[in-house]
Amino acid sequence: MVVGSALVRLIEEHGQAGDLAAVVGALFQRVSDLRITITSGAPEWLFRLNLAAPFMYRSHALDVGVVQEDSIRLDPKVLGWLRKTAEKKGLPYQSLVNEILAEEMRKAS
């Protein structure tokens, strides 16, 4: 997410750290005053090793325990719980997922 000249990226998996470093590094070459904040459960050294731009690091696990069948589909039981809980709250289930993630971010700050 880019806000003005600030970039905030939430990342959990170690495998995504290298991908993030390549993209953010290229972006930093184009926007040299970019302020970068990374919030992740992956270790800071992994980003320091792979990202040649200054950044602030906040350690926080963002995985809220959603069980997935694969990289795209949620476990049917988890999806059923999300839909049922969201319906009780009068929300689309995607909004409930965002609400859970937002709460995790508040805990991290």
C-alpha atoms as a PDB file:
ATOM      1  CA  MET A   1       0.000   0.000   0.000  1.00  0.00           C
ATOM      2  CA  VAL A   2       1.471   3.387  -0.959  1.00  0.00           C
ATOM      3  CA  VAL A   3       0.323   6.455   0.967  1.00  0.00           C
ATOM      4  CA  GLY A   4       1.965   9.681  -0.209  1.00  0.00           C
ATOM      5  CA  SER A   5       5.642   8.785  -0.143  1.00  0.00           C
ATOM      6  CA  ALA A   6       5.144   6.084   2.489  1.00  0.00           C
ATOM      7  CA  LEU A   7       4.926   2.394   1.705  1.00  0.00           C
ATOM      8  CA  VAL A   8       3.524  -0.080   4.177  1.00  0.00           C
ATOM      9  CA  ARG A   9       3.512  -3.778   3.378  1.00  0.00           C
ATOM     10  CA  LEU A  10       2.193  -6.540   5.553  1.00  0.00           C
ATOM     11  CA  ILE A  11       3.845  -9.851   4.881  1.00  0.00           C
ATOM     12  CA  GLU A  12       3.809 -13.151   6.670  1.00  0.00           C
ATOM     13  CA  GLU A  13       5.488 -15.850   4.654  1.00  0.00           C
ATOM     14  CA  HIS A  14       9.258 -16.088   4.370  1.00  0.00           C
ATOM     15  CA  GLY A  15       8.940 -16.920   0.670  1.00  0.00           C
ATOM     16  CA  GLN A  16       7.253 -13.595  -0.017  1.00  0.00           C
ATOM     17  CA  ALA A  17      10.088 -11.628   1.606  1.00  0.00           C
ATOM     18  CA  GLY A  18      12.392 -11.995  -1.397  1.00  0.00           C
ATOM     19  CA  ASP A  19       9.618 -11.025  -3.807  1.00  0.00           C
ATOM     20  CA  LEU A  20       8.806  -7.977  -1.698  1.00  0.00           C
ATOM     21  CA  ALA A  21      12.455  -6.934  -1.540  1.00  0.00           C
ATOM     22  CA  ALA A  22      12.788  -6.987  -5.332  1.00  0.00           C
ATOM     23  CA  VAL A  23       9.619  -4.946  -5.919  1.00  0.00           C
ATOM     24  CA  VAL A  24      10.270  -2.422  -3.135  1.00  0.00           C
ATOM     25  CA  GLY A  25      13.916  -2.049  -4.193  1.00  0.00           C
ATOM     26  CA  ALA A  26      12.850  -1.186  -7.747  1.00  0.00           C
ATOM     27  CA  LEU A  27      10.234   1.230  -6.424  1.00  0.00           C
ATOM     28  CA  PHE A  28      12.794   2.891  -4.129  1.00  0.00           C
ATOM     29  CA  GLN A  29      15.088   3.508  -7.129  1.00  0.00           C
ATOM     30  CA  ARG A  30      12.264   5.531  -8.705  1.00  0.00           C
ATOM     31  CA  VAL A  31      11.029   7.254  -5.520  1.00  0.00           C
ATOM     32  CA  SER A  32      14.140   7.907  -3.440  1.00  0.00           C
ATOM     33  CA  ASP A  33      12.290   9.663  -0.594  1.00  0.00           C
ATOM     34  CA  LEU A  34      10.034   6.642  -0.097  1.00  0.00           C
ATOM     35  CA  ARG A  35       9.582   5.758   3.578  1.00  0.00           C
ATOM     36  CA  ILE A  36       9.138   2.011   3.918  1.00  0.00           C
ATOM     37  CA  THR A  37       7.612   0.145   6.852  1.00  0.00           C
ATOM     38  CA  ILE A  38       7.445  -3.633   6.868  1.00  0.00           C
ATOM     39  CA  THR A  39       5.274  -5.446   9.393  1.00  0.00           C
ATOM     40  CA  SER A  40       5.927  -9.165   9.366  1.00  0.00           C
ATOM     41  CA  GLY A  41       6.333 -12.356  11.302  1.00  0.00           C
ATOM     42  CA  ALA A  42       9.294 -13.187   9.051  1.00  0.00           C
ATOM     43  CA  PRO A  43      12.634 -12.296  10.683  1.00  0.00           C
ATOM     44  CA  GLU A  44      14.047  -8.807  10.174  1.00  0.00           C
ATOM     45  CA  TRP A  45      17.408 -10.166   8.971  1.00  0.00           C
ATOM     46  CA  LEU A  46      15.662 -11.682   5.952  1.00  0.00           C
ATOM     47  CA  PHE A  47      14.545  -8.228   4.804  1.00  0.00           C
ATOM     48  CA  ARG A  48      17.896  -6.603   5.697  1.00  0.00           C
ATOM     49  CA  LEU A  49      19.656  -9.241   3.598  1.00  0.00           C
ATOM     50  CA  ASN A  50      17.406  -8.789   0.558  1.00  0.00           C
ATOM     51  CA  LEU A  51      16.352  -5.122   0.552  1.00  0.00           C
ATOM     52  CA  ALA A  52      18.899  -2.451  -0.319  1.00  0.00           C
ATOM     53  CA  ALA A  53      16.683   0.437   0.792  1.00  0.00           C
ATOM     54  CA  PRO A  54      16.208   1.917   4.279  1.00  0.00           C
ATOM     55  CA  PHE A  55      13.095   0.691   6.055  1.00  0.00           C
ATOM     56  CA  MET A  56      11.447   0.446   9.438  1.00  0.00           C
ATOM     57  CA  TYR A  57      10.634  -3.071  10.615  1.00  0.00           C
ATOM     58  CA  ARG A  58       7.886  -4.085  13.034  1.00  0.00           C
ATOM     59  CA  SER A  59       7.813  -7.690  14.148  1.00  0.00           C
ATOM     60  CA  HIS A  60       4.310  -9.060  14.395  1.00  0.00           C
ATOM     61  CA  ALA A  61       2.778 -12.344  13.304  1.00  0.00           C
ATOM     62  CA  LEU A  62      -0.101 -11.581  10.979  1.00  0.00           C
ATOM     63  CA  ASP A  63      -1.294 -15.102  10.353  1.00  0.00           C
ATOM     64  CA  VAL A  64      -4.739 -15.261  11.924  1.00  0.00           C
ATOM     65  CA  GLY A  65      -4.861 -19.036  11.590  1.00  0.00           C
ATOM     66  CA  VAL A  66      -7.059 -19.327   8.516  1.00  0.00           C
ATOM     67  CA  VAL A  67      -6.770 -22.884   7.252  1.00  0.00           C
ATOM     68  CA  GLN A  68      -6.469 -23.065   3.487  1.00  0.00           C
ATOM     69  CA  GLU A  69      -6.783 -26.061   1.180  1.00  0.00           C
ATOM     70  CA  ASP A  70      -4.246 -24.444  -1.142  1.00  0.00           C
ATOM     71  CA  SER A  71      -2.957 -20.956  -1.949  1.00  0.00           C
ATOM     72  CA  ILE A  72      -6.380 -19.842  -3.214  1.00  0.00           C
ATOM     73  CA  ARG A  73      -9.165 -21.711  -1.413  1.00  0.00           C
ATOM     74  CA  LEU A  74     -10.074 -21.540   2.265  1.00  0.00           C
ATOM     75  CA  ASP A  75     -10.946 -24.706   4.142  1.00  0.00           C
ATOM     76  CA  PRO A  76     -14.737 -25.176   3.782  1.00  0.00           C
ATOM     77  CA  LYS A  77     -15.207 -25.310   7.585  1.00  0.00           C
ATOM     78  CA  VAL A  78     -13.342 -22.012   8.061  1.00  0.00           C
ATOM     79  CA  LEU A  79     -15.221 -20.394   5.184  1.00  0.00           C
ATOM     80  CA  GLY A  80     -18.511 -21.619   6.672  1.00  0.00           C
ATOM     81  CA  TRP A  81     -17.606 -20.128  10.063  1.00  0.00           C
ATOM     82  CA  LEU A  82     -16.606 -16.817   8.437  1.00  0.00           C
ATOM     83  CA  ARG A  83     -19.858 -16.620   6.479  1.00  0.00           C
ATOM     84  CA  LYS A  84     -22.021 -17.528   9.493  1.00  0.00           C
ATOM     85  CA  THR A  85     -20.233 -15.090  11.822  1.00  0.00           C
ATOM     86  CA  ALA A  86     -20.272 -12.306   9.223  1.00  0.00           C
ATOM     87  CA  GLU A  87     -23.991 -12.833   8.614  1.00  0.00           C
ATOM     88  CA  LYS A  88     -24.677 -12.461  12.347  1.00  0.00           C
ATOM     89  CA  LYS A  89     -22.757  -9.164  12.275  1.00  0.00           C
ATOM     90  CA  GLY A  90     -24.485  -8.043   9.070  1.00  0.00           C
ATOM     91  CA  LEU A  91     -21.189  -7.927   7.139  1.00  0.00           C
ATOM     92  CA  PRO A  92     -19.844  -9.525   3.972  1.00  0.00           C
ATOM     93  CA  TYR A  93     -17.430 -12.272   5.065  1.00  0.00           C
ATOM     94  CA  GLN A  94     -14.502 -10.483   3.358  1.00  0.00           C
ATOM     95  CA  SER A  95     -15.160  -7.535   5.674  1.00  0.00           C
ATOM     96  CA  LEU A  96     -14.923  -9.851   8.672  1.00  0.00           C
ATOM     97  CA  VAL A  97     -11.533 -11.081   7.445  1.00  0.00           C
ATOM     98  CA  ASN A  98     -10.415  -7.434   7.095  1.00  0.00           C
ATOM     99  CA  GLU A  99     -11.737  -6.695  10.595  1.00  0.00           C
ATOM    100  CA  ILE A 100      -9.708  -9.592  12.036  1.00  0.00           C
ATOM    101  CA  LEU A 101      -6.568  -8.415  10.229  1.00  0.00           C
ATOM    102  CA  ALA A 102      -7.115  -4.814  11.382  1.00  0.00           C
ATOM    103  CA  GLU A 103      -7.371  -6.011  14.985  1.00  0.00           C
ATOM    104  CA  GLU A 104      -4.082  -7.882  14.587  1.00  0.00           C
ATOM    105  CA  MET A 105      -2.466  -4.675  13.270  1.00  0.00           C
ATOM    106  CA  ARG A 106      -3.759  -2.694  16.268  1.00  0.00           C
ATOM    107  CA  LYS A 107      -2.170  -5.274  18.547  1.00  0.00           C
ATOM    108  CA  ALA A 108       1.115  -4.886  16.653  1.00  0.00           C
ATOM    109  CA  SER A 109       1.318  -1.114  17.066  1.00  0.00           C
END
